[in-house]
């Protein structure tokens, strides 16, 4: 009997091993199939977009093809990929690839929706444009002769690329698919620094050639500079001249006058697709609008507490007027503003190890927004290697908001989170380099609020600046949905921000124009931050004394850029695993 049991156990064990081996083989096969799908598509996708200042060390020799055949090819490719993904059995994937599938499917669905709605026929909004993105290539890091030759090749393709983009814009205009006219007024001025430069050497695109690496021989430098003079004169300037004439004579004068996304072709469905793209959620506009109203009321109460701390005698409108007009709250020179931003960024460096276990190797520069786009640009913008600070119109750049802005755009916000993702070699490339607004902007806004705990706000006024920025993002939920689904006017949106935030009127104007021209993007910030805060509160409650803030932050940042449901599920696993972070050296 003992021998029989032993034999039966051996048979059962062998059977179990056989079944397990079959399961592993099936999992490996399905993993390999999924990996092949996303690897091929990602390699192809990398060549579909133009370089800009966020392209890192990659300097491409080409501008993408954005003509009709290429657009049809993109639609076909992403449709095919979605069909392929539908055949993947998620239960046969490894646990990590199940997560990757969720993230990748979201990326492809977003790209496919934009292609179906022909977003490429509107390659600009109130503060960004295809030509502005190309101009950002001049601000990349040039290290080798090949970098310069690639750049020269790219400059030579401008006439073709600009002509294709103009053709796309004409097609969009024919079906009334343009940004609203009011948001385009004066934007032609962003082209004139190229067309009005007296010599090729004065042209902004010549900037990389002014100081070149000493490792490149002098004779080669001279050849490269001569080539730059020729290509700027023969390709860059003519392309921009054609664009300027088109903007002034055709596009801007005939742009649509309606503000709302609902008035665009298939507008209700289009706006909902933008909500899905930028928030990764399927919330209706009315629900988002109400969330915004509720959050504005909460932050309003916190603002009143700060007013009591500084013993201000008067109501909120009077306090906001005081903040907007008292010279003590404003830098006297552009360099003063840049210096203060640098001081704030360095102050965070001294606190970073207490709040994060894994820090990025990449550093960032602090530079002013270029003069040609500064009048229409947001207050600041950050990303890999750079924190842009807008020094235009200093009376609209309050110092009491600068700490929040710096935490958002530099570290631990965009110029911290994005490099961490890019440096995480455990992630597939579409997670290292992809960007989902709800996650990225949600994280950056969370960093502003985290500044309170980190002791970054030196005065109650600085803390009020943070609250004003929180209010600004909560108010966006109200304003964006108000404009695009409820018939709000531009003046009504401006008034709402004026009455509820400490933003300067100039910034309110540029921001509202941005929301008008870029439906849905403004919704990502507060909804993303709310998801992170809610998940953190859940973890703190469940883990109690075991909760480790460094481990929590590393867990969130280790994900790369992901849809909010994926973030929430990962924090649930963080709780189930007892609050253990992703890196062994962080405890």
Protein backbone atom coordinates (compact mmCIF):
# COMPACT_ATOMS: atom_id res chain seq x y z
CA UNK A 1 0.00 0.00 0.00
CA UNK A 2 2.86 2.33 0.85
CA UNK A 3 4.47 1.63 -2.51
CA UNK A 4 1.16 2.26 -4.28
CA UNK A 5 0.80 5.66 -2.56
CA UNK A 6 4.34 6.54 -3.45
CA UNK A 7 3.77 5.57 -7.06
CA UNK A 8 0.53 7.52 -7.21
CA UNK A 9 2.24 10.57 -5.70
CA UNK A 10 5.01 10.31 -8.27
CA UNK A 11 2.49 10.10 -11.10
CA UNK A 12 0.58 13.09 -9.74
CA UNK A 13 3.79 15.08 -9.33
CA UNK A 14 4.90 14.25 -12.87
CA UNK A 15 1.47 15.21 -14.19
CA UNK A 16 1.54 18.50 -12.31
CA UNK A 17 5.02 19.26 -13.63
CA UNK A 18 3.90 18.44 -17.15
CA UNK A 19 0.88 20.73 -16.80
CA UNK A 20 3.04 23.49 -15.29
CA UNK A 21 5.56 23.16 -18.09
CA UNK A 22 2.77 23.37 -20.65
CA UNK A 23 1.45 26.48 -18.91
CA UNK A 24 4.87 28.11 -18.94
CA UNK A 25 5.31 27.24 -22.62
CA UNK A 26 1.91 28.71 -23.47
CA UNK A 27 2.67 31.80 -21.41
CA UNK A 28 6.05 32.18 -23.07
CA UNK A 29 4.48 31.78 -26.50
CA UNK A 30 1.78 34.37 -25.81
CA UNK A 31 4.31 36.73 -24.24
CA UNK A 32 6.53 36.38 -27.28
CA UNK A 33 3.62 37.12 -29.63
CA UNK A 34 2.63 40.22 -27.67
CA UNK A 35 6.24 41.40 -27.49
CA UNK A 36 6.61 40.99 -31.25
CA UNK A 37 3.48 43.08 -31.86
CA UNK A 38 4.48 46.05 -29.70
CA UNK A 39 8.17 45.93 -30.62
CA UNK A 40 7.48 46.15 -34.34
CA UNK A 41 4.90 48.89 -33.91
CA UNK A 42 7.08 50.94 -31.55
CA UNK A 43 10.07 50.79 -33.90
CA UNK A 44 7.80 52.04 -36.67
CA UNK A 45 6.13 54.67 -34.44
CA UNK A 46 9.44 56.27 -33.45
CA UNK A 47 9.81 57.54 -37.01
CA UNK A 48 6.32 59.05 -37.18
CA UNK A 49 7.01 62.23 -35.20
CA UNK A 50 9.37 65.18 -35.54
CA UNK A 51 12.15 65.83 -33.05
CA UNK A 52 11.81 68.66 -30.55
CA UNK A 53 13.40 69.71 -27.26
CA UNK A 54 11.84 66.66 -25.57
CA UNK A 55 13.53 64.17 -27.92
CA UNK A 56 16.46 63.66 -25.60
CA UNK A 57 19.71 62.58 -27.25
CA UNK A 58 18.03 61.51 -30.49
CA UNK A 59 18.64 63.89 -33.38
CA UNK A 60 16.86 62.59 -36.43
CA UNK A 61 17.97 63.18 -40.00
CA UNK A 62 14.39 63.44 -41.19
CA UNK A 63 11.06 65.14 -40.63
CA UNK A 64 8.13 62.74 -40.76
CA UNK A 65 5.87 62.21 -43.72
CA UNK A 66 2.48 63.74 -42.81
CA UNK A 67 0.90 63.55 -46.26
CA UNK A 68 -2.36 61.72 -47.12
CA UNK A 69 -0.76 58.37 -47.90
CA UNK A 70 1.20 58.39 -44.64
CA UNK A 71 -1.92 59.30 -42.65
CA UNK A 72 -3.85 56.45 -44.27
CA UNK A 73 -0.95 54.13 -43.47
CA UNK A 74 -1.05 55.15 -39.80
CA UNK A 75 -4.78 54.53 -39.62
CA UNK A 76 -4.34 51.11 -41.18
CA UNK A 77 -1.36 50.21 -38.99
CA UNK A 78 -3.01 51.08 -35.69
CA UNK A 79 -6.27 49.43 -36.76
CA UNK A 80 -4.32 46.27 -37.52
CA UNK A 81 -2.53 46.42 -34.18
CA UNK A 82 -5.83 46.74 -32.32
CA UNK A 83 -7.12 43.68 -34.18
CA UNK A 84 -3.96 41.79 -33.25
CA UNK A 85 -4.27 42.79 -29.60
CA UNK A 86 -7.83 41.46 -29.52
CA UNK A 87 -6.43 37.99 -30.22
CA UNK A 88 -4.05 38.07 -27.25
CA UNK A 89 -5.23 35.85 -24.36
CA UNK A 90 -4.32 37.92 -21.31
CA UNK A 91 -4.65 34.89 -19.01
CA UNK A 92 -1.68 33.32 -20.81
CA UNK A 93 0.57 36.34 -20.34
CA UNK A 94 3.03 36.85 -17.52
CA UNK A 95 1.72 39.12 -14.73
CA UNK A 96 3.91 41.98 -15.92
CA UNK A 97 2.77 41.63 -19.51
CA UNK A 98 -0.87 41.68 -18.43
CA UNK A 99 -0.17 45.17 -17.14
CA UNK A 100 1.79 46.03 -20.28
CA UNK A 101 -1.15 44.93 -22.41
CA UNK A 102 -3.53 47.28 -20.58
CA UNK A 103 -1.15 50.20 -21.02
CA UNK A 104 -0.27 49.44 -24.63
CA UNK A 105 -3.90 48.91 -25.67
CA UNK A 106 -4.74 52.31 -24.18
CA UNK A 107 -1.92 53.93 -26.16
CA UNK A 108 -3.00 52.37 -29.44
CA UNK A 109 -6.68 53.19 -28.84
CA UNK A 110 -5.71 56.83 -28.23
CA UNK A 111 -3.57 57.03 -31.36
CA UNK A 112 -6.27 55.35 -33.40
CA UNK A 113 -9.00 57.70 -32.18
CA UNK A 114 -6.89 60.76 -33.01
CA UNK A 115 -6.27 59.33 -36.48
CA UNK A 116 -9.96 58.60 -37.08
CA UNK A 117 -10.92 62.12 -36.04
CA UNK A 118 -8.08 63.44 -38.24
CA UNK A 119 -6.42 65.46 -35.51
CA UNK A 120 -3.47 65.85 -37.87
CA UNK A 121 -5.55 68.43 -39.77
CA UNK A 122 -5.22 70.73 -36.75
CA UNK A 123 -1.46 70.59 -35.93
CA UNK A 124 -1.52 73.61 -33.63
CA UNK A 125 -3.30 75.10 -30.67
CA UNK A 126 -3.04 78.36 -28.76
CA UNK A 127 0.51 77.89 -27.47
CA UNK A 128 2.06 75.02 -29.44
CA UNK A 129 2.40 74.28 -33.13
CA UNK A 130 4.17 71.96 -35.53
CA UNK A 131 6.63 74.71 -36.51
CA UNK A 132 7.28 75.56 -32.88
CA UNK A 133 8.00 71.92 -32.13
CA UNK A 134 10.48 71.77 -35.00
CA UNK A 135 12.12 74.95 -33.71
CA UNK A 136 12.71 73.09 -30.45
CA UNK A 137 15.16 70.84 -32.29
CA UNK A 138 17.64 73.73 -32.24
CA UNK A 139 17.67 73.49 -28.44
CA UNK A 140 18.77 69.84 -28.39
CA UNK A 141 22.18 68.70 -27.22
CA UNK A 142 24.61 68.45 -30.15
CA UNK A 143 27.70 66.34 -29.41
CA UNK A 144 29.02 64.82 -32.62
CA UNK A 145 29.54 65.63 -36.29
CA UNK A 146 26.76 63.14 -37.08
CA UNK A 147 24.35 65.10 -34.86
CA UNK A 148 25.02 68.20 -36.94
CA UNK A 149 24.72 66.37 -40.26
CA UNK A 150 21.42 64.85 -39.17
CA UNK A 151 20.21 68.30 -38.17
CA UNK A 152 21.22 69.77 -41.53
CA UNK A 153 19.40 66.96 -43.31
CA UNK A 154 16.29 67.64 -41.24
CA UNK A 155 16.43 71.38 -42.02
CA UNK A 156 16.61 70.56 -45.72
CA UNK A 157 13.29 68.71 -45.49
CA UNK A 158 11.37 71.69 -44.11
CA UNK A 159 9.82 72.83 -47.43
CA UNK A 160 8.27 69.39 -47.99
CA UNK A 161 7.16 68.99 -44.36
CA UNK A 162 5.68 72.49 -44.09
CA UNK A 163 3.85 72.09 -47.42
CA UNK A 164 2.29 68.84 -46.16
CA UNK A 165 1.22 70.45 -42.89
CA UNK A 166 -0.30 73.42 -44.74
CA UNK A 167 -2.23 71.01 -46.96
CA UNK A 168 -3.52 69.22 -43.85
CA UNK A 169 -4.58 72.53 -42.30
CA UNK A 170 -6.41 73.48 -45.51
CA UNK A 171 -8.30 70.16 -45.37
CA UNK A 172 -9.20 70.82 -41.75
CA UNK A 173 -10.34 74.35 -42.51
CA UNK A 174 -12.57 73.06 -45.31
CA UNK A 175 -14.57 71.08 -42.75
CA UNK A 176 -14.37 73.79 -40.04
CA UNK A 177 -11.87 71.76 -38.04
CA UNK A 178 -9.57 74.54 -36.82
CA UNK A 179 -8.73 76.15 -33.50
CA UNK A 180 -11.10 79.06 -32.81
CA UNK A 181 -10.01 82.27 -34.50
CA UNK A 182 -9.69 84.19 -31.22
CA UNK A 183 -7.02 81.75 -30.00
CA UNK A 184 -4.93 82.25 -33.15
CA UNK A 185 -4.77 86.02 -33.23
CA UNK A 186 -1.16 87.17 -33.17
CA UNK A 187 0.23 83.64 -33.43
CA UNK A 188 1.77 84.50 -36.79
CA UNK A 189 4.35 86.43 -34.75
CA UNK A 190 5.88 83.09 -33.74
CA UNK A 191 7.05 82.65 -37.36
CA UNK A 192 8.60 86.08 -37.95
CA UNK A 193 11.85 85.51 -36.00
CA UNK A 194 12.71 83.06 -38.78
CA UNK A 195 11.51 85.10 -41.72
CA UNK A 196 12.83 88.44 -40.46
CA UNK A 197 16.33 87.36 -39.46
CA UNK A 198 18.75 89.62 -41.35
CA UNK A 199 21.26 86.87 -42.11
CA UNK A 200 21.28 83.06 -41.80
CA UNK A 201 23.68 83.48 -38.87
CA UNK A 202 21.03 85.54 -37.06
CA UNK A 203 18.40 82.87 -37.59
CA UNK A 204 17.36 80.87 -34.49
CA UNK A 205 17.99 77.63 -36.40
CA UNK A 206 21.67 78.58 -36.65
CA UNK A 207 22.04 78.54 -32.85
CA UNK A 208 23.67 75.07 -32.57
CA UNK A 209 26.49 76.21 -34.85
CA UNK A 210 27.52 79.24 -32.82
CA UNK A 211 29.36 77.13 -30.26
CA UNK A 212 30.38 73.66 -31.37
CA UNK A 213 32.16 70.86 -29.46
CA UNK A 214 35.94 71.11 -29.52
CA UNK A 215 36.08 67.42 -30.45
CA UNK A 216 34.94 68.35 -33.96
CA UNK A 217 37.94 69.55 -36.04
CA UNK A 218 37.97 73.24 -36.95
CA UNK A 219 37.85 72.55 -40.69
CA UNK A 220 34.83 70.31 -40.25
CA UNK A 221 33.15 72.96 -38.11
CA UNK A 222 33.67 75.49 -40.89
CA UNK A 223 32.14 73.11 -43.45
CA UNK A 224 29.13 72.48 -41.22
CA UNK A 225 28.59 76.19 -40.65
CA UNK A 226 28.74 76.88 -44.37
CA UNK A 227 26.21 74.12 -45.00
CA UNK A 228 23.96 75.62 -42.33
CA UNK A 229 24.04 79.04 -43.97
CA UNK A 230 23.02 77.48 -47.28
CA UNK A 231 20.19 75.29 -45.97
CA UNK A 232 18.74 78.07 -43.81
CA UNK A 233 18.69 80.46 -46.76
CA UNK A 234 17.41 77.94 -49.31
CA UNK A 235 15.04 75.76 -47.26
CA UNK A 236 14.29 77.00 -43.74
CA UNK A 237 13.43 80.62 -44.54
CA UNK A 238 11.35 79.88 -47.69
CA UNK A 239 9.35 77.23 -45.79
CA UNK A 240 8.54 79.72 -43.04
CA UNK A 241 7.73 82.47 -45.56
CA UNK A 242 5.14 80.20 -47.17
CA UNK A 243 3.72 79.33 -43.76
CA UNK A 244 3.53 82.98 -42.70
CA UNK A 245 1.65 83.97 -45.85
CA UNK A 246 -0.78 81.08 -45.37
CA UNK A 247 -1.45 81.97 -41.73
CA UNK A 248 -1.96 85.67 -42.39
CA UNK A 249 -3.87 85.53 -45.67
CA UNK A 250 -5.89 82.37 -45.34
CA UNK A 251 -5.91 80.28 -42.19
CA UNK A 252 -6.32 82.78 -39.34
CA UNK A 253 -8.82 85.08 -41.14
CA UNK A 254 -11.04 82.11 -42.02
CA UNK A 255 -10.72 80.05 -38.82
CA UNK A 256 -13.98 79.10 -37.14
CA UNK A 257 -15.45 81.53 -34.63
CA UNK A 258 -17.24 79.02 -32.36
CA UNK A 259 -15.30 78.07 -29.22
CA UNK A 260 -16.75 74.72 -28.19
CA UNK A 261 -15.65 71.23 -29.17
CA UNK A 262 -19.31 70.29 -29.59
CA UNK A 263 -19.44 72.52 -32.68
CA UNK A 264 -16.65 70.55 -34.37
CA UNK A 265 -17.50 67.70 -36.76
CA UNK A 266 -19.07 64.89 -34.68
CA UNK A 267 -18.30 67.20 -31.78
CA UNK A 268 -19.89 65.38 -28.83
CA UNK A 269 -18.14 62.12 -29.66
CA UNK A 270 -14.91 63.99 -30.40
CA UNK A 271 -14.93 65.75 -27.01
CA UNK A 272 -15.65 62.47 -25.22
CA UNK A 273 -12.68 60.90 -27.03
CA UNK A 274 -10.51 63.75 -25.77
CA UNK A 275 -11.77 63.20 -22.22
CA UNK A 276 -10.82 59.55 -22.58
CA UNK A 277 -7.42 60.42 -24.07
CA UNK A 278 -6.40 62.95 -21.45
CA UNK A 279 -7.97 61.43 -18.31
CA UNK A 280 -7.98 57.70 -19.24
CA UNK A 281 -11.50 57.67 -17.78
CA UNK A 282 -14.96 57.57 -19.35
CA UNK A 283 -16.57 60.26 -17.23
CA UNK A 284 -19.25 62.43 -18.87
CA UNK A 285 -18.60 66.20 -19.02
CA UNK A 286 -21.40 66.98 -16.56
CA UNK A 287 -19.88 64.73 -13.88
CA UNK A 288 -16.44 66.27 -14.34
CA UNK A 289 -17.97 69.74 -14.14
CA UNK A 290 -19.57 68.88 -10.80
CA UNK A 291 -16.35 67.38 -9.43
CA UNK A 292 -14.70 70.69 -10.29
CA UNK A 293 -17.35 72.75 -8.51
CA UNK A 294 -17.05 70.58 -5.38
CA UNK A 295 -13.25 70.79 -5.32
CA UNK A 296 -13.25 74.54 -5.89
CA UNK A 297 -15.43 74.93 -2.79
CA UNK A 298 -12.99 72.85 -0.69
CA UNK A 299 -9.93 74.78 -1.81
CA UNK A 300 -11.77 78.07 -1.27
CA UNK A 301 -12.07 77.20 2.43
CA UNK A 302 -8.31 76.52 2.64
CA UNK A 303 -7.59 79.87 0.99
CA UNK A 304 -9.62 81.66 3.65
CA UNK A 305 -7.52 79.95 6.34
CA UNK A 306 -4.34 81.40 4.82
CA UNK A 307 -5.91 84.85 4.66
CA UNK A 308 -6.58 84.59 8.39
CA UNK A 309 -2.95 83.54 8.99
CA UNK A 310 -1.65 86.73 7.37
CA UNK A 311 -4.37 88.81 9.11
CA UNK A 312 -5.67 90.23 5.87
CA UNK A 313 -8.62 92.55 6.39
CA UNK A 314 -11.00 92.02 3.50
CA UNK A 315 -12.65 89.36 1.38
CA UNK A 316 -11.10 86.95 -1.16
CA UNK A 317 -11.49 89.26 -4.18
CA UNK A 318 -9.69 92.02 -2.26
CA UNK A 319 -6.91 89.61 -1.28
CA UNK A 320 -6.50 88.46 -4.88
CA UNK A 321 -6.34 92.08 -6.04
CA UNK A 322 -3.65 92.74 -3.43
CA UNK A 323 -1.61 89.75 -4.61
CA UNK A 324 -1.90 90.81 -8.24
CA UNK A 325 -0.76 94.38 -7.65
CA UNK A 326 1.73 94.60 -4.78
CA UNK A 327 5.28 94.89 -6.22
CA UNK A 328 6.74 92.83 -3.36
CA UNK A 329 5.38 89.68 -5.03
CA UNK A 330 7.09 90.18 -8.40
CA UNK A 331 10.62 89.89 -9.76
CA UNK A 332 12.24 93.07 -11.03
CA UNK A 333 14.23 91.44 -13.84
CA UNK A 334 13.99 88.23 -15.87
CA UNK A 335 17.23 87.03 -14.28
CA UNK A 336 15.73 87.54 -10.81
CA UNK A 337 12.91 85.17 -11.75
CA UNK A 338 15.31 82.60 -13.17
CA UNK A 339 17.57 82.85 -10.11
CA UNK A 340 14.66 82.30 -7.75
CA UNK A 341 13.50 79.27 -9.76
CA UNK A 342 17.02 77.83 -9.55
CA UNK A 343 17.12 78.40 -5.77
CA UNK A 344 13.82 76.57 -5.32
CA UNK A 345 14.97 73.66 -7.47
CA UNK A 346 18.20 73.37 -5.49
CA UNK A 347 16.28 73.51 -2.21
CA UNK A 348 14.36 70.43 -3.29
CA UNK A 349 17.63 68.64 -4.07
CA UNK A 350 18.51 68.87 -0.40
CA UNK A 351 15.24 67.18 0.58
CA UNK A 352 14.93 64.57 -2.17
CA UNK A 353 16.48 61.59 -0.36
CA UNK A 354 13.88 61.76 2.39
CA UNK A 355 11.00 61.41 -0.05
CA UNK A 356 12.34 59.29 -2.91
CA UNK A 357 14.45 56.15 -2.93
CA UNK A 358 15.35 56.22 -6.61
CA UNK A 359 16.55 59.51 -8.16
CA UNK A 360 17.07 60.11 -11.90
CA UNK A 361 20.60 60.34 -13.27
CA UNK A 362 19.47 62.99 -15.75
CA UNK A 363 19.76 66.65 -14.72
CA UNK A 364 17.91 69.64 -16.15
CA UNK A 365 18.70 73.19 -17.23
CA UNK A 366 16.60 76.24 -16.34
CA UNK A 367 16.15 78.52 -19.35
CA UNK A 368 13.75 81.30 -20.34
CA UNK A 369 10.93 80.64 -22.80
CA UNK A 370 12.10 81.86 -26.24
CA UNK A 371 11.02 85.42 -26.98
CA UNK A 372 9.03 84.56 -30.10
CA UNK A 373 6.55 82.30 -28.27
CA UNK A 374 6.69 83.79 -24.75
CA UNK A 375 3.68 86.15 -25.14
CA UNK A 376 1.38 83.19 -25.85
CA UNK A 377 3.14 80.55 -23.77
CA UNK A 378 2.20 79.14 -20.40
CA UNK A 379 4.11 80.22 -17.27
CA UNK A 380 6.52 77.32 -17.43
CA UNK A 381 7.01 73.89 -18.91
CA UNK A 382 9.33 71.07 -17.98
CA UNK A 383 10.54 67.80 -19.40
CA UNK A 384 13.70 65.74 -19.92
CA UNK A 385 16.67 68.00 -19.44
CA UNK A 386 14.86 71.34 -19.28
CA UNK A 387 12.69 73.60 -17.15
CA UNK A 388 11.40 76.52 -19.23
CA UNK A 389 10.48 79.62 -17.22
CA UNK A 390 8.45 82.36 -18.89
CA UNK A 391 10.07 85.70 -18.13
CA UNK A 392 7.81 87.70 -20.46
CA UNK A 393 5.57 90.28 -18.75
CA UNK A 394 7.03 89.96 -15.24
CA UNK A 395 3.97 91.52 -13.54
CA UNK A 396 2.10 88.35 -14.56
CA UNK A 397 4.69 85.98 -13.00
CA UNK A 398 4.16 86.14 -9.22
CA UNK A 399 6.92 84.86 -6.97
CA UNK A 400 4.40 83.38 -4.54
CA UNK A 401 3.45 80.84 -7.26
CA UNK A 402 7.01 80.06 -8.34
CA UNK A 403 7.62 77.30 -5.80
CA UNK A 404 4.54 75.39 -6.95
CA UNK A 405 5.45 75.96 -10.60
CA UNK A 406 9.01 74.74 -10.04
CA UNK A 407 7.96 71.60 -8.17
CA UNK A 408 5.52 70.85 -11.00
CA UNK A 409 7.77 71.48 -13.99
CA UNK A 410 11.23 70.53 -12.72
CA UNK A 411 11.77 68.20 -9.75
CA UNK A 412 10.08 66.15 -8.51
CA UNK A 413 7.65 66.87 -11.37
CA UNK A 414 8.15 66.53 -15.11
CA UNK A 415 11.94 66.92 -15.34
CA UNK A 416 12.21 64.22 -12.63
CA UNK A 417 9.42 61.77 -13.50
CA UNK A 418 10.04 61.55 -17.24
CA UNK A 419 13.78 60.79 -16.97
CA UNK A 420 13.07 58.16 -14.29
CA UNK A 421 10.78 56.40 -16.75
CA UNK A 422 13.29 56.68 -19.59
CA UNK A 423 16.07 55.28 -17.37
CA UNK A 424 13.98 52.31 -16.20
CA UNK A 425 15.30 49.53 -18.43
CA UNK A 426 12.85 47.03 -16.92
CA UNK A 427 10.03 48.73 -18.82
CA UNK A 428 9.25 48.20 -22.51
CA UNK A 429 10.04 51.28 -24.62
CA UNK A 430 6.41 52.33 -25.00
CA UNK A 431 6.30 52.76 -21.21
CA UNK A 432 9.72 54.36 -20.94
CA UNK A 433 9.02 57.04 -23.53
CA UNK A 434 5.24 57.23 -23.77
CA UNK A 435 3.36 59.99 -22.02
CA UNK A 436 -0.16 59.86 -20.62
CA UNK A 437 -1.38 63.25 -19.48
CA UNK A 438 -3.52 62.04 -16.57
CA UNK A 439 -0.51 60.32 -15.04
CA UNK A 440 2.20 62.84 -15.93
CA UNK A 441 0.23 65.99 -15.13
CA UNK A 442 -1.45 64.33 -12.17
CA UNK A 443 1.94 63.45 -10.73
CA UNK A 444 3.29 66.97 -11.31
CA UNK A 445 0.28 68.55 -9.60
CA UNK A 446 0.63 66.09 -6.72
CA UNK A 447 4.23 67.33 -6.37
CA UNK A 448 2.96 70.87 -5.81
CA UNK A 449 0.86 69.69 -2.89
CA UNK A 450 3.66 67.45 -1.62
CA UNK A 451 5.68 70.64 -1.24
CA UNK A 452 3.71 71.41 1.92
CA UNK A 453 4.92 68.21 3.58
CA UNK A 454 8.45 68.74 2.28
CA UNK A 455 8.60 72.21 3.84
CA UNK A 456 9.08 73.94 0.49
CA UNK A 457 6.70 76.84 1.08
CA UNK A 458 8.55 79.47 3.11
CA UNK A 459 5.65 81.86 3.74
CA UNK A 460 1.86 81.71 3.93
CA UNK A 461 1.84 83.62 0.65
CA UNK A 462 3.84 80.82 -1.01
CA UNK A 463 1.35 78.33 0.35
CA UNK A 464 -1.47 80.46 -0.98
CA UNK A 465 0.28 80.37 -4.35
CA UNK A 466 0.15 76.58 -4.16
CA UNK A 467 -3.54 76.70 -3.27
CA UNK A 468 -4.15 79.10 -6.12
CA UNK A 469 -2.51 76.60 -8.46
CA UNK A 470 -4.63 73.79 -6.99
CA UNK A 471 -7.67 76.01 -7.47
CA UNK A 472 -6.53 76.76 -11.02
CA UNK A 473 -6.50 73.04 -11.89
CA UNK A 474 -9.79 72.33 -10.12
CA UNK A 475 -11.33 75.32 -11.91
CA UNK A 476 -10.13 73.84 -15.19
CA UNK A 477 -12.59 70.99 -14.69
CA UNK A 478 -15.33 73.60 -14.56
CA UNK A 479 -14.01 75.82 -17.35
CA UNK A 480 -13.04 73.14 -19.89
CA UNK A 481 -16.36 71.34 -19.64
CA UNK A 482 -18.17 74.69 -19.45
CA UNK A 483 -16.64 75.90 -22.71
CA UNK A 484 -16.81 72.70 -24.70
CA UNK A 485 -20.13 71.20 -23.58
CA UNK A 486 -22.16 73.95 -21.89
CA UNK A 487 -21.80 76.98 -24.11
CA UNK A 488 -19.54 79.11 -21.88
CA UNK A 489 -18.05 82.22 -23.46
CA UNK A 490 -14.37 83.14 -23.37
CA UNK A 491 -15.19 86.04 -21.03
CA UNK A 492 -17.19 83.77 -18.71
CA UNK A 493 -14.25 81.36 -18.44
CA UNK A 494 -11.80 84.21 -17.81
CA UNK A 495 -14.06 85.64 -15.12
CA UNK A 496 -14.31 82.28 -13.34
CA UNK A 497 -10.51 82.01 -13.11
CA UNK A 498 -10.17 85.67 -12.16
CA UNK A 499 -12.62 85.28 -9.27
CA UNK A 500 -11.22 82.01 -7.92
CA UNK A 501 -7.43 82.08 -8.44
CA UNK A 502 -4.55 84.49 -7.92
CA UNK A 503 -3.43 84.14 -11.53
CA UNK A 504 -2.56 87.38 -13.30
CA UNK A 505 -5.01 88.49 -15.96
CA UNK A 506 -2.45 87.98 -18.74
CA UNK A 507 -1.93 84.37 -17.70
CA UNK A 508 -5.68 83.85 -17.38
CA UNK A 509 -6.10 85.01 -20.99
CA UNK A 510 -3.39 82.73 -22.37
CA UNK A 511 -4.60 79.78 -20.28
CA UNK A 512 -8.25 80.10 -21.28
CA UNK A 513 -7.21 80.32 -24.93
CA UNK A 514 -5.22 77.15 -24.41
CA UNK A 515 -8.27 75.32 -23.04
CA UNK A 516 -10.41 76.60 -25.89
CA UNK A 517 -7.95 75.41 -28.53
CA UNK A 518 -6.99 72.13 -26.82
CA UNK A 519 -10.21 70.41 -25.67
CA UNK A 520 -9.91 68.01 -22.75
CA UNK A 521 -6.21 68.42 -21.95
CA UNK A 522 -6.93 70.68 -18.98
CA UNK A 523 -8.97 67.92 -17.34
CA UNK A 524 -5.99 65.61 -16.84
CA UNK A 525 -4.25 67.52 -14.05
CA UNK A 526 -6.70 67.50 -11.18
CA UNK A 527 -8.26 64.12 -11.96
CA UNK A 528 -4.78 62.59 -12.13
CA UNK A 529 -3.70 64.20 -8.87
CA UNK A 530 -6.92 63.08 -7.21
CA UNK A 531 -6.27 59.47 -8.22
CA UNK A 532 -2.77 59.60 -6.67
CA UNK A 533 -3.97 61.29 -3.47
CA UNK A 534 -6.87 58.86 -3.09
CA UNK A 535 -4.57 55.87 -3.63
CA UNK A 536 -2.05 57.22 -1.14
CA UNK A 537 -4.76 57.77 1.48
CA UNK A 538 -5.96 54.21 0.92
CA UNK A 539 -2.42 52.87 1.38
CA UNK A 540 -1.78 54.94 4.50
CA UNK A 541 -5.00 53.70 6.09
CA UNK A 542 -4.38 50.06 5.21
CA UNK A 543 -0.68 49.92 6.11
CA UNK A 544 -0.60 52.19 9.15
CA UNK A 545 2.90 52.30 10.61
CA UNK A 546 4.21 50.15 7.73
CA UNK A 547 3.52 52.90 5.22
CA UNK A 548 6.79 54.21 3.75
CA UNK A 549 6.49 57.40 1.70
CA UNK A 550 9.68 56.70 -0.25
CA UNK A 551 8.45 53.23 -1.18
CA UNK A 552 5.07 54.63 -2.22
CA UNK A 553 6.61 57.30 -4.44
CA UNK A 554 9.02 54.82 -6.01
CA UNK A 555 6.13 52.45 -6.70
CA UNK A 556 4.18 55.18 -8.51
CA UNK A 557 7.20 56.45 -10.46
CA UNK A 558 8.45 52.98 -11.37
CA UNK A 559 5.36 52.49 -13.53
CA UNK A 560 6.35 54.91 -16.27
CA UNK A 561 3.30 56.69 -17.69
CA UNK A 562 0.12 54.64 -17.23
CA UNK A 563 -3.68 54.98 -17.28
CA UNK A 564 -5.18 55.86 -13.91
CA UNK A 565 -6.88 52.45 -13.41
CA UNK A 566 -3.47 50.78 -13.81
CA UNK A 567 -1.97 53.15 -11.24
CA UNK A 568 -4.76 52.40 -8.78
CA UNK A 569 -4.39 48.64 -9.27
CA UNK A 570 -0.63 48.88 -8.67
CA UNK A 571 -1.17 50.70 -5.37
CA UNK A 572 -3.65 47.98 -4.38
CA UNK A 573 -0.86 45.44 -4.97
CA UNK A 574 1.54 47.66 -3.02
CA UNK A 575 -0.88 47.41 -0.09
CA UNK A 576 -1.31 43.64 -0.49
CA UNK A 577 2.48 43.20 -0.45
CA UNK A 578 2.75 45.05 2.86
CA UNK A 579 4.00 48.35 1.46
CA UNK A 580 7.13 46.91 -0.09
CA UNK A 581 8.65 49.20 -2.70
CA UNK A 582 10.07 48.15 -6.08
CA UNK A 583 13.72 48.64 -5.12
CA UNK A 584 15.48 46.70 -2.36
CA UNK A 585 17.69 49.63 -1.30
CA UNK A 586 14.87 52.00 -0.35
CA UNK A 587 13.75 50.57 2.96
